[in-house]
Protein backbone atom coordinates (compact mmCIF):
# COMPACT_ATOMS: atom_id res chain seq x y z
CA MET A 1 76.32 47.58 178.38
CA ASP A 2 79.96 49.36 178.63
CA LEU A 3 82.64 47.77 175.98
CA THR A 4 85.84 48.89 177.92
CA ILE A 5 89.34 48.86 177.34
CA GLN A 6 92.65 50.12 178.65
CA CYS A 7 95.44 52.08 176.93
CA VAL A 8 98.60 53.62 177.84
CA ASP A 9 97.71 56.61 175.61
CA LEU A 10 94.88 57.59 173.63
CA PRO A 11 95.31 57.27 170.25
CA LYS A 12 96.09 60.07 167.11
CA ASN A 13 93.74 60.88 164.26
CA GLY A 14 94.37 57.81 162.07
CA GLU A 15 96.45 55.54 164.68
CA THR A 16 95.85 52.39 165.99
CA ILE A 17 97.01 51.25 168.74
CA ASN A 18 97.37 47.90 170.95
CA GLY A 19 95.07 48.16 174.27
CA SER A 20 94.82 45.85 176.98
CA ASP A 21 92.33 44.58 179.27
CA PHE A 22 89.23 44.44 177.24
CA PHE A 23 86.50 43.92 179.21
CA MET A 24 82.15 43.95 178.86
CA ASN A 25 80.32 45.48 182.12
CA PRO A 26 76.62 46.21 182.48
CA GLY A 27 76.37 49.53 182.66
CA GLY A 28 74.66 53.20 181.14
CA LYS A 29 74.27 55.96 183.90
CA GLY A 30 70.33 55.02 184.61
CA GLY A 31 71.64 51.78 185.19
CA ASN A 32 74.49 52.79 187.17
CA GLN A 33 72.92 54.76 189.33
CA ALA A 34 69.90 52.55 190.00
CA VAL A 35 72.37 49.78 191.17
CA ALA A 36 74.09 51.88 193.52
CA ALA A 37 70.65 52.97 195.20
CA ALA A 38 69.23 49.55 195.72
CA LYS A 39 73.26 48.36 196.37
CA LEU A 40 73.18 51.28 199.35
CA GLY A 41 69.25 50.33 200.49
CA ALA A 42 66.63 52.13 198.51
CA GLU A 43 63.77 50.33 197.28
CA THR A 44 64.23 51.01 193.48
CA HIS A 45 62.30 50.99 190.19
CA MET A 46 63.82 51.31 187.03
CA ILE A 47 61.84 52.06 183.90
CA ALA A 48 63.73 52.06 180.49
CA ASN A 49 64.12 50.43 177.19
CA ILE A 50 66.66 47.31 175.71
CA GLY A 51 66.52 45.58 173.07
CA ARG A 52 65.88 41.74 172.83
CA ASP A 53 69.62 41.05 172.55
CA VAL A 54 72.11 39.14 173.90
CA PHE A 55 73.13 42.77 175.81
CA GLY A 56 69.97 43.45 176.81
CA GLU A 57 69.01 39.97 178.66
CA GLN A 58 72.26 40.72 180.21
CA LEU A 59 71.36 44.26 181.63
CA LEU A 60 68.03 43.12 182.95
CA ASN A 61 69.57 39.87 184.88
CA ALA A 62 72.29 42.18 185.89
CA LEU A 63 69.90 44.56 187.72
CA ASN A 64 67.56 41.97 188.79
CA SER A 65 70.87 40.54 190.79
CA TYR A 66 71.26 43.83 192.70
CA LYS A 67 67.35 44.17 193.82
CA VAL A 68 66.66 46.79 191.04
CA HIS A 69 62.63 46.31 190.91
CA THR A 70 62.41 45.62 186.50
CA GLU A 71 58.68 45.84 185.85
CA GLY A 72 58.98 48.55 184.33
CA VAL A 73 61.97 47.66 181.79
CA PHE A 74 60.60 47.40 178.01
CA CYS A 75 62.42 45.14 175.09
CA ASP A 76 62.13 47.30 171.69
CA GLU A 77 62.25 44.30 169.33
CA GLN A 78 63.59 46.19 166.17
CA VAL A 79 66.57 48.11 167.84
CA ALA A 80 69.38 47.32 169.63
CA SER A 81 70.57 47.85 173.20
CA GLY A 82 72.22 51.13 173.98
CA VAL A 83 75.81 51.05 174.58
CA ALA A 84 79.28 52.74 175.83
CA MET A 85 82.37 52.69 174.22
CA VAL A 86 84.41 53.21 177.36
CA ILE A 87 88.35 53.85 176.79
CA ARG A 88 90.77 53.65 180.00
CA SER A 89 93.75 55.57 180.38
CA HIS A 90 95.76 56.98 183.06
CA GLY A 91 93.00 56.45 185.48
CA ASP A 92 90.87 58.20 183.69
CA ASN A 93 88.32 57.64 180.96
CA ARG A 94 86.42 58.83 177.52
CA ILE A 95 82.96 57.55 176.90
CA ILE A 96 81.21 57.34 173.09
CA LEU A 97 77.74 56.77 173.47
CA GLY A 98 75.57 54.34 171.56
CA ASN A 99 71.74 55.27 172.19
CA GLY A 100 70.03 52.23 170.84
CA ALA A 101 66.63 51.28 172.65
CA ASN A 102 67.50 54.22 175.43
CA HIS A 103 66.24 56.34 172.79
CA THR A 104 62.53 54.54 171.50
CA LEU A 105 60.74 54.28 174.94
CA SER A 106 57.65 55.93 174.50
CA GLU A 107 55.82 58.60 176.34
CA ALA A 108 52.94 56.33 176.80
CA ALA A 109 54.51 53.46 178.21
CA PHE A 110 56.46 55.82 180.59
CA VAL A 111 53.64 57.22 182.45
CA SER A 112 51.46 53.59 182.58
CA MET A 113 54.70 52.13 184.13
CA LEU A 114 55.13 55.59 187.04
CA ASN A 115 51.28 55.36 187.81
CA GLN A 116 51.77 52.33 188.67
CA LEU A 117 54.92 52.40 190.50
CA ALA A 118 55.62 56.13 191.94
CA GLN A 119 53.79 57.55 195.17
CA ARG A 120 54.15 61.27 196.24
CA ASN A 121 57.32 62.22 197.91
CA ASP A 122 59.05 59.72 196.25
CA ILE A 123 62.47 60.51 194.44
CA PHE A 124 62.17 60.41 190.70
CA LEU A 125 65.83 60.88 189.42
CA THR A 126 66.58 60.74 185.45
CA GLN A 127 69.23 61.47 182.98
CA LEU A 128 69.97 62.67 179.50
CA GLU A 129 70.63 59.21 177.74
CA ASN A 130 67.20 58.78 176.77
CA ASP A 131 65.27 60.91 174.11
CA TYR A 132 65.11 64.48 175.37
CA SER A 133 61.79 64.64 174.82
CA LEU A 134 60.83 62.20 176.81
CA VAL A 135 62.93 63.58 179.58
CA ARG A 136 61.40 67.09 179.15
CA SER A 137 57.88 65.38 179.70
CA ALA A 138 59.17 62.88 182.32
CA VAL A 139 59.83 65.43 184.62
CA ARG A 140 56.86 66.92 184.51
CA HIS A 141 54.64 63.95 185.11
CA ALA A 142 57.04 63.01 187.92
CA LYS A 143 56.46 66.66 189.46
CA GLU A 144 52.67 66.50 188.85
CA LYS A 145 52.50 63.39 190.58
CA GLY A 146 54.45 65.57 193.44
CA MET A 147 58.01 63.76 193.74
CA TYR A 148 61.08 65.12 194.36
CA THR A 149 62.92 65.35 190.75
CA ILE A 150 66.45 64.99 190.18
CA LEU A 151 68.21 65.53 187.21
CA ASN A 152 71.73 64.16 186.04
CA PRO A 153 71.96 66.20 182.77
CA ALA A 154 74.41 63.62 181.09
CA PRO A 155 75.56 63.39 178.25
CA ALA A 156 75.18 67.40 178.87
CA ARG A 157 73.11 69.40 176.55
CA VAL A 158 71.19 72.93 177.27
CA LEU A 159 68.23 72.46 178.36
CA ASP A 160 64.99 74.42 178.02
CA SER A 161 63.26 76.45 180.53
CA ASP A 162 60.42 74.06 181.42
CA VAL A 163 62.80 71.17 182.32
CA TYR A 164 64.23 73.72 185.20
CA GLU A 165 60.37 74.50 185.97
CA ASN A 166 59.83 70.71 186.84
CA LEU A 167 63.25 70.01 188.73
CA ASP A 168 63.91 70.09 192.62
CA LEU A 169 67.53 69.47 191.99
CA ILE A 170 70.35 69.02 189.20
CA VAL A 171 73.43 67.31 189.96
CA VAL A 172 76.10 68.58 187.26
CA ASN A 173 79.80 68.01 187.00
CA GLN A 174 82.39 70.62 185.94
CA SER A 175 82.40 70.35 182.20
CA GLU A 176 77.78 69.86 182.66
CA CYS A 177 77.79 73.09 184.93
CA GLU A 178 79.87 75.10 182.18
CA LEU A 179 77.92 73.80 179.68
CA LEU A 180 74.90 75.32 181.36
CA THR A 181 75.87 78.15 183.28
CA GLY A 182 78.84 79.33 181.01
CA ILE A 183 80.82 79.21 184.46
CA TYR A 184 83.40 76.53 185.09
CA PRO A 185 83.65 75.84 188.56
CA SER A 186 87.04 75.91 189.45
CA ASP A 187 86.95 77.31 192.86
CA GLU A 188 84.66 78.94 195.76
CA ASP A 189 83.37 82.31 193.98
CA SER A 190 83.02 80.11 190.55
CA CYS A 191 81.23 77.26 192.31
CA MET A 192 78.61 79.95 194.08
CA GLU A 193 78.38 81.95 191.36
CA ALA A 194 77.42 79.14 189.23
CA MET A 195 74.66 78.13 191.72
CA HIS A 196 73.14 81.51 191.85
CA SER A 197 72.69 80.96 187.98
CA PHE A 198 71.16 78.11 188.61
CA GLU A 199 69.19 79.22 191.42
CA ALA A 200 68.16 82.36 189.04
CA LYS A 201 66.10 79.34 186.84
CA GLY A 202 64.29 78.05 189.77
CA VAL A 203 66.32 74.93 190.56
CA ALA A 204 68.87 73.66 193.47
CA ALA A 205 72.42 71.89 192.54
CA ILE A 206 74.93 70.26 193.56
CA ILE A 207 78.17 70.69 191.67
CA THR A 208 80.78 67.77 191.93
CA LEU A 209 84.17 68.76 191.64
CA GLY A 210 86.08 65.80 190.92
CA THR A 211 89.13 65.40 193.40
CA HIS A 212 88.02 68.75 195.22
CA GLY A 213 84.64 67.40 196.48
CA SER A 214 81.59 68.69 195.98
CA MET A 215 79.25 72.18 196.81
CA SER A 216 75.83 72.36 196.87
CA ASN A 217 72.65 75.41 197.94
CA ALA A 218 70.12 72.51 198.28
CA PHE A 219 67.44 73.16 200.77
CA GLY A 220 68.72 76.58 201.06
CA ARG A 221 72.02 75.76 202.64
CA TYR A 222 75.26 76.06 201.14
CA LEU A 223 77.42 73.16 201.94
CA PHE A 224 80.97 71.89 200.64
CA VAL A 225 82.11 68.83 200.99
CA PRO A 226 85.97 67.25 200.60
CA ALA A 227 86.41 64.58 198.40
CA GLN A 228 88.31 61.75 200.04
CA ARG A 229 91.11 60.68 199.10
CA VAL A 230 92.09 57.19 197.53
CA GLU A 231 93.98 55.62 195.01
CA THR A 232 92.00 55.63 191.92
CA VAL A 233 92.07 53.11 189.52
CA ASP A 234 88.69 53.86 187.33
CA THR A 235 86.80 56.69 187.26
CA THR A 236 84.08 55.26 185.22
CA GLY A 237 81.56 54.74 188.19
CA ALA A 238 82.21 57.68 190.62
CA GLY A 239 79.62 59.89 189.21
CA ASP A 240 76.96 57.47 188.69
CA SER A 241 77.71 55.97 192.41
CA PHE A 242 77.56 59.37 194.31
CA ILE A 243 74.17 60.15 192.70
CA GLY A 244 72.37 56.94 193.20
CA ALA A 245 74.18 57.05 196.93
CA LEU A 246 72.37 60.64 197.28
CA CYS A 247 69.31 59.52 196.11
CA SER A 248 69.41 56.90 198.60
CA CYS A 249 70.06 58.79 201.74
CA LEU A 250 67.77 61.55 200.59
CA SER A 251 64.79 58.50 200.48
CA ARG A 252 65.54 58.20 204.17
CA ASP A 253 64.92 61.61 205.08
CA MET A 254 68.46 61.54 205.54
CA ASP A 255 70.35 65.64 205.83
CA MET A 256 71.52 67.00 202.83
CA LYS A 257 75.06 67.65 204.34
CA GLU A 258 75.30 63.94 205.69
CA ALA A 259 73.81 62.61 202.27
CA MET A 260 76.48 64.40 200.50
CA GLU A 261 79.15 63.30 202.97
CA PHE A 262 78.19 59.59 202.41
CA ALA A 263 77.45 60.34 198.59
CA THR A 264 80.94 60.66 198.33
CA ARG A 265 82.83 57.98 200.56
CA VAL A 266 81.08 55.78 197.98
CA ALA A 267 82.02 57.37 195.27
CA ALA A 268 85.53 57.43 196.18
CA LEU A 269 85.51 53.41 197.22
CA THR A 270 84.12 52.68 193.66
CA VAL A 271 86.61 54.37 191.98
CA THR A 272 89.61 52.31 193.54
CA ARG A 273 87.88 49.33 191.45
CA ILE A 274 87.53 49.00 187.77
CA GLY A 275 84.28 48.49 186.68
CA ALA A 276 80.88 50.19 186.76
CA GLN A 277 78.10 48.51 188.49
CA ALA A 278 79.83 45.50 189.97
CA SER A 279 82.32 48.11 191.19
CA ILE A 280 79.70 50.13 193.44
CA PRO A 281 79.83 49.38 197.04
CA TYR A 282 76.85 48.37 199.44
CA LYS A 283 76.51 50.25 202.13
CA GLU A 284 78.78 47.66 204.64
CA GLU A 285 81.53 47.67 202.67
CA VAL A 286 81.59 51.45 202.52
CA GLU A 287 80.89 51.72 206.26
CA GLN A 288 84.23 48.95 206.95
CA TYR A 289 86.42 50.45 204.70
CA PHE A 290 86.52 53.98 206.08
CA LYS A 291 85.98 51.79 209.54
CA GLU A 292 89.53 50.81 208.98
CA GLU A 293 91.17 53.96 206.69
CA ASN A 294 90.62 55.78 209.70
């Protein structure tokens, strides 16, 4: 659950300031990405853990309302649902996570649901808001089933070699890219250098560059897609909407360049609205908005 507040300037150490526009909104990177994929037309199943509490109930209701299949969402009787404290200032945000039940999903429960739900060539997408040991085994199990495996390594951390071995695609922002490769992708040359680093690890990459767009070397083709210019209100759901939209497009066998272009439009429209899941547009909204803009 995202707990969000707006402030003019971030507080200094030991300082208390007044904020405004506090609200609670269902979130979580996995949840947001699943909602984006579902809102944009993909049949989407979630495997996750929530607490048996009011936040967990609201998270589950939100997923169901957006037509995400939730038979793989388990309730932990002992541990509270995960939360994110989101501080918004000048259109940007900083986030602190409380992992809660996100980290109590067992490998046995995951494998059981994966075997029930997944087929060869389906897309498997995961993040690092789950327990890292589970992520390591999850990508291995998904790869063994013949799925196309994607990792969004957020919150960022160093990855073991076996994780890379079981990935087809990694989607990183600039700070995540720097942590994983030692290269901050600020221009075309540094992006290419970073993508070569991922290639050496055996995985293709998409690097998102904020207002500058995104680059990819997926499927052996180097691509640059510029960002769409919009008036930014809240960047909270930008990355998640991009990734969810990308998965939705790839599930329909869309060309990677087209998929990245559509995902870029989705992310652009998302940041013109406040919140995470509620701000993610439906396919028809994206098409209508950019038709009017053009």
